[in-house]
């Protein structure tokens, strides 16, 4: 199994107990398990077979997060015609 290293993330949310947000963060996945999270400067030694991905311009959130369609609604909830609408009028406004 190939290991995966994500580097240069504009922002990496660690989801640790301190809720750290790392600028230029990096994340190492070994055998499908996140084994290390940190900054570029503190990366552990890597095997030659590690697949590397440059995450510049990206936000990295470790783990599976199922946002399905509710993420879309966070962007559209300020549309005046949808605010304070009853359910079906709200749905027709957001999903014409």
N, C-alpha and C. Protein backbone atom coordinates (compact mmCIF):
# COMPACT_ATOMS: atom_id res chain seq x y z
N UNK A 1 0.86 -1.18 0.00
CA UNK A 1 0.00 0.00 0.00
C UNK A 1 0.89 1.23 0.00
N UNK A 2 0.57 2.17 -0.85
CA UNK A 2 1.33 3.41 -0.93
C UNK A 2 0.92 4.37 0.18
N UNK A 3 1.91 5.02 0.74
CA UNK A 3 1.64 6.07 1.72
C UNK A 3 1.36 7.37 0.98
N UNK A 4 0.61 8.26 1.60
CA UNK A 4 0.21 9.52 0.97
C UNK A 4 0.59 10.67 1.89
N UNK A 5 1.21 11.68 1.30
CA UNK A 5 1.56 12.89 2.04
C UNK A 5 0.88 14.08 1.38
N UNK A 6 0.09 14.81 2.13
CA UNK A 6 -0.51 16.05 1.67
C UNK A 6 0.34 17.19 2.23
N UNK A 7 0.82 18.09 1.37
CA UNK A 7 1.69 19.17 1.82
C UNK A 7 1.14 20.52 1.38
N UNK A 8 1.66 21.57 1.98
CA UNK A 8 1.38 22.96 1.59
C UNK A 8 -0.08 23.36 1.69
N UNK A 9 -0.87 22.69 2.51
CA UNK A 9 -2.29 23.06 2.64
C UNK A 9 -2.37 24.51 3.13
N UNK A 10 -3.17 25.32 2.44
CA UNK A 10 -3.35 26.70 2.91
C UNK A 10 -3.79 26.70 4.37
N UNK A 11 -4.68 25.76 4.69
CA UNK A 11 -5.13 25.62 6.07
C UNK A 11 -5.45 24.15 6.31
N UNK A 12 -4.92 23.60 7.39
CA UNK A 12 -5.20 22.22 7.77
C UNK A 12 -5.87 22.23 9.13
N UNK A 13 -7.11 21.75 9.18
CA UNK A 13 -7.83 21.64 10.45
C UNK A 13 -7.43 20.32 11.09
N UNK A 14 -6.85 20.38 12.28
CA UNK A 14 -6.31 19.16 12.89
C UNK A 14 -7.37 18.29 13.54
N UNK A 15 -8.46 18.85 13.99
CA UNK A 15 -9.50 18.13 14.72
C UNK A 15 -8.97 17.51 16.01
N UNK A 16 -7.84 18.02 16.51
CA UNK A 16 -7.32 17.53 17.78
C UNK A 16 -8.00 18.24 18.94
N UNK A 17 -7.63 17.90 20.16
CA UNK A 17 -8.31 18.47 21.33
C UNK A 17 -8.12 19.98 21.45
N UNK A 18 -7.04 20.51 20.86
CA UNK A 18 -6.79 21.96 20.89
C UNK A 18 -7.42 22.67 19.69
N UNK A 19 -8.00 21.89 18.76
CA UNK A 19 -8.61 22.47 17.55
C UNK A 19 -7.64 23.36 16.78
N UNK A 20 -6.39 22.90 16.66
CA UNK A 20 -5.38 23.69 15.94
C UNK A 20 -5.74 23.83 14.46
N UNK A 21 -5.42 24.99 13.92
CA UNK A 21 -5.55 25.26 12.49
C UNK A 21 -4.16 25.62 12.00
N UNK A 22 -3.60 24.77 11.14
CA UNK A 22 -2.22 24.93 10.71
C UNK A 22 -2.13 25.55 9.33
N UNK A 23 -1.45 26.68 9.22
CA UNK A 23 -1.17 27.29 7.92
C UNK A 23 0.02 26.54 7.33
N UNK A 24 -0.06 26.22 6.03
CA UNK A 24 0.96 25.41 5.35
C UNK A 24 1.10 24.06 6.03
N UNK A 25 -0.03 23.47 6.38
CA UNK A 25 -0.04 22.20 7.08
C UNK A 25 0.27 21.02 6.17
N UNK A 26 0.60 19.91 6.81
CA UNK A 26 0.89 18.67 6.10
C UNK A 26 0.26 17.51 6.88
N UNK A 27 -0.02 16.43 6.15
CA UNK A 27 -0.70 15.29 6.75
C UNK A 27 -0.17 14.03 6.09
N UNK A 28 0.17 13.03 6.88
CA UNK A 28 0.70 11.77 6.36
C UNK A 28 -0.31 10.65 6.62
N UNK A 29 -0.58 9.88 5.57
CA UNK A 29 -1.48 8.73 5.65
C UNK A 29 -0.64 7.49 5.33
N UNK A 30 -0.62 6.54 6.27
CA UNK A 30 0.11 5.28 6.07
C UNK A 30 -0.88 4.13 6.22
N UNK A 31 -0.94 3.29 5.18
CA UNK A 31 -1.85 2.14 5.21
C UNK A 31 -3.28 2.58 5.53
N UNK A 32 -3.72 3.66 4.91
CA UNK A 32 -5.08 4.20 5.07
C UNK A 32 -5.39 4.74 6.45
N UNK A 33 -4.38 5.05 7.23
CA UNK A 33 -4.56 5.62 8.57
C UNK A 33 -3.77 6.92 8.66
N UNK A 34 -4.41 7.98 9.15
CA UNK A 34 -3.69 9.24 9.36
C UNK A 34 -2.74 9.01 10.53
N UNK A 35 -1.43 9.11 10.25
CA UNK A 35 -0.43 8.82 11.28
C UNK A 35 0.30 10.06 11.77
N UNK A 36 0.19 11.14 11.04
CA UNK A 36 0.91 12.35 11.45
C UNK A 36 0.22 13.58 10.86
N UNK A 37 0.12 14.64 11.66
CA UNK A 37 -0.42 15.93 11.23
C UNK A 37 0.50 16.99 11.80
N UNK A 38 0.91 17.94 10.97
CA UNK A 38 1.79 19.00 11.47
C UNK A 38 2.09 20.02 10.40
N UNK A 39 3.22 20.68 10.54
CA UNK A 39 3.64 21.69 9.57
C UNK A 39 4.78 21.14 8.72
N UNK A 40 5.04 21.81 7.60
CA UNK A 40 6.10 21.39 6.70
C UNK A 40 7.43 21.22 7.45
N UNK A 41 7.69 22.12 8.37
CA UNK A 41 8.97 22.14 9.07
C UNK A 41 9.16 20.94 10.00
N UNK A 42 8.08 20.29 10.39
CA UNK A 42 8.19 19.20 11.37
C UNK A 42 7.88 17.83 10.77
N UNK A 43 7.93 17.71 9.43
CA UNK A 43 7.58 16.45 8.78
C UNK A 43 8.55 15.33 9.17
N UNK A 44 8.03 14.13 9.38
CA UNK A 44 8.91 12.98 9.66
C UNK A 44 9.61 12.52 8.38
N UNK A 45 10.65 11.69 8.51
CA UNK A 45 11.29 11.11 7.32
C UNK A 45 10.27 10.28 6.55
N UNK A 46 10.38 10.30 5.22
CA UNK A 46 9.39 9.62 4.38
C UNK A 46 10.04 8.52 3.55
N UNK A 47 9.27 7.47 3.27
CA UNK A 47 9.71 6.42 2.35
C UNK A 47 9.70 6.96 0.93
N UNK A 48 10.50 6.35 0.07
CA UNK A 48 10.55 6.77 -1.34
C UNK A 48 9.24 6.51 -2.07
N UNK A 49 8.46 5.54 -1.58
CA UNK A 49 7.21 5.21 -2.27
C UNK A 49 6.03 6.08 -1.84
N UNK A 50 6.27 7.11 -1.05
CA UNK A 50 5.20 7.99 -0.59
C UNK A 50 4.70 8.85 -1.74
N UNK A 51 3.40 8.80 -2.00
CA UNK A 51 2.79 9.65 -3.02
C UNK A 51 2.52 11.01 -2.39
N UNK A 52 2.96 12.06 -3.07
CA UNK A 52 2.84 13.41 -2.51
C UNK A 52 1.85 14.24 -3.32
N UNK A 53 1.04 15.00 -2.61
CA UNK A 53 0.08 15.89 -3.24
C UNK A 53 0.28 17.30 -2.69
N UNK A 54 0.43 18.26 -3.59
CA UNK A 54 0.56 19.66 -3.20
C UNK A 54 -0.84 20.23 -3.03
N UNK A 55 -1.17 20.68 -1.84
CA UNK A 55 -2.52 21.14 -1.53
C UNK A 55 -2.63 22.66 -1.49
N UNK A 56 -1.72 23.36 -2.18
CA UNK A 56 -1.81 24.83 -2.22
C UNK A 56 -3.19 25.27 -2.70
N UNK A 57 -3.73 26.26 -2.03
CA UNK A 57 -5.05 26.76 -2.40
C UNK A 57 -6.19 25.92 -1.85
N UNK A 58 -5.87 24.95 -1.01
CA UNK A 58 -6.89 24.02 -0.52
C UNK A 58 -6.97 24.05 1.01
N UNK A 59 -8.14 23.67 1.51
CA UNK A 59 -8.39 23.43 2.93
C UNK A 59 -8.39 21.92 3.13
N UNK A 60 -7.66 21.43 4.12
CA UNK A 60 -7.62 19.99 4.40
C UNK A 60 -8.30 19.74 5.74
N UNK A 61 -9.30 18.85 5.71
CA UNK A 61 -10.01 18.44 6.93
C UNK A 61 -9.87 16.93 7.04
N UNK A 62 -9.02 16.43 7.94
CA UNK A 62 -8.83 14.99 8.07
C UNK A 62 -10.11 14.27 8.47
N UNK A 63 -10.27 13.08 7.96
CA UNK A 63 -11.42 12.25 8.32
C UNK A 63 -12.56 12.40 7.34
N UNK A 64 -13.55 11.57 7.51
CA UNK A 64 -14.72 11.59 6.63
C UNK A 64 -15.77 12.53 7.20
N UNK A 65 -16.14 13.51 6.41
CA UNK A 65 -17.19 14.43 6.81
C UNK A 65 -18.24 14.40 5.70
N UNK A 66 -19.44 13.99 6.02
CA UNK A 66 -20.51 13.92 5.04
C UNK A 66 -21.33 15.20 5.14
N UNK A 67 -21.06 16.14 4.24
CA UNK A 67 -21.80 17.40 4.27
C UNK A 67 -23.02 17.37 3.36
N UNK A 68 -23.15 16.36 2.54
CA UNK A 68 -24.16 16.23 1.49
C UNK A 68 -24.66 17.61 1.06
N UNK A 69 -25.94 17.83 0.92
CA UNK A 69 -26.40 19.10 0.33
C UNK A 69 -26.50 20.25 1.33
N UNK A 70 -26.33 20.02 2.59
CA UNK A 70 -26.46 21.12 3.55
C UNK A 70 -25.37 22.18 3.37
N UNK A 71 -24.22 21.80 2.83
CA UNK A 71 -23.18 22.79 2.57
C UNK A 71 -23.70 23.84 1.59
N UNK A 72 -24.40 23.40 0.55
CA UNK A 72 -25.00 24.32 -0.41
C UNK A 72 -25.92 25.30 0.30
N UNK A 73 -26.69 24.82 1.25
CA UNK A 73 -27.65 25.68 1.94
C UNK A 73 -26.97 26.73 2.81
N UNK A 74 -25.75 26.49 3.27
CA UNK A 74 -25.05 27.52 4.03
C UNK A 74 -24.70 28.70 3.14
N UNK A 75 -24.57 28.45 1.85
CA UNK A 75 -24.25 29.53 0.92
C UNK A 75 -25.50 30.27 0.45
N UNK A 76 -26.65 29.62 0.49
CA UNK A 76 -27.87 30.21 -0.07
C UNK A 76 -28.87 30.69 0.98
N UNK A 77 -28.59 30.49 2.23
CA UNK A 77 -29.58 30.84 3.26
C UNK A 77 -29.83 32.34 3.38
N UNK A 78 -28.99 33.15 2.77
CA UNK A 78 -29.19 34.60 2.84
C UNK A 78 -29.96 35.16 1.64
N UNK A 79 -30.43 34.30 0.76
CA UNK A 79 -31.23 34.76 -0.38
C UNK A 79 -32.55 35.28 0.18
N UNK A 80 -32.86 36.56 -0.07
CA UNK A 80 -34.05 37.17 0.54
C UNK A 80 -35.34 36.39 0.30
N UNK A 81 -35.55 35.88 -0.90
CA UNK A 81 -36.81 35.18 -1.20
C UNK A 81 -36.95 33.89 -0.40
N UNK A 82 -35.85 33.33 0.08
CA UNK A 82 -35.91 32.08 0.84
C UNK A 82 -36.02 32.31 2.34
N UNK A 83 -35.65 33.46 2.79
CA UNK A 83 -35.68 33.73 4.23
C UNK A 83 -37.12 33.79 4.73
N UNK A 84 -37.38 33.12 5.80
CA UNK A 84 -38.70 33.07 6.43
C UNK A 84 -39.78 32.46 5.55
N UNK A 85 -39.39 31.73 4.51
CA UNK A 85 -40.37 31.08 3.65
C UNK A 85 -40.81 29.76 4.27
N UNK A 86 -42.04 29.34 3.95
CA UNK A 86 -42.48 28.01 4.37
C UNK A 86 -41.71 26.99 3.54
N UNK A 87 -41.70 25.74 3.99
CA UNK A 87 -40.82 24.73 3.43
C UNK A 87 -40.84 24.65 1.90
N UNK A 88 -42.01 24.47 1.29
CA UNK A 88 -42.02 24.24 -0.15
C UNK A 88 -41.68 25.50 -0.94
N UNK A 89 -42.05 26.66 -0.46
CA UNK A 89 -41.62 27.90 -1.13
C UNK A 89 -40.11 28.06 -1.01
N UNK A 90 -39.58 27.69 0.13
CA UNK A 90 -38.14 27.75 0.35
C UNK A 90 -37.42 26.81 -0.61
N UNK A 91 -37.93 25.58 -0.74
CA UNK A 91 -37.32 24.61 -1.65
C UNK A 91 -37.38 25.08 -3.10
N UNK A 92 -38.54 25.63 -3.52
CA UNK A 92 -38.67 26.11 -4.90
C UNK A 92 -37.73 27.27 -5.18
N UNK A 93 -37.48 28.10 -4.18
CA UNK A 93 -36.56 29.23 -4.36
C UNK A 93 -35.13 28.74 -4.53
N UNK A 94 -34.72 27.80 -3.70
CA UNK A 94 -33.34 27.32 -3.74
C UNK A 94 -33.08 26.30 -4.83
N UNK A 95 -34.09 25.56 -5.21
CA UNK A 95 -33.94 24.51 -6.23
C UNK A 95 -34.99 24.71 -7.33
N UNK A 96 -34.81 25.76 -8.14
CA UNK A 96 -35.84 26.07 -9.16
C UNK A 96 -36.01 24.98 -10.21
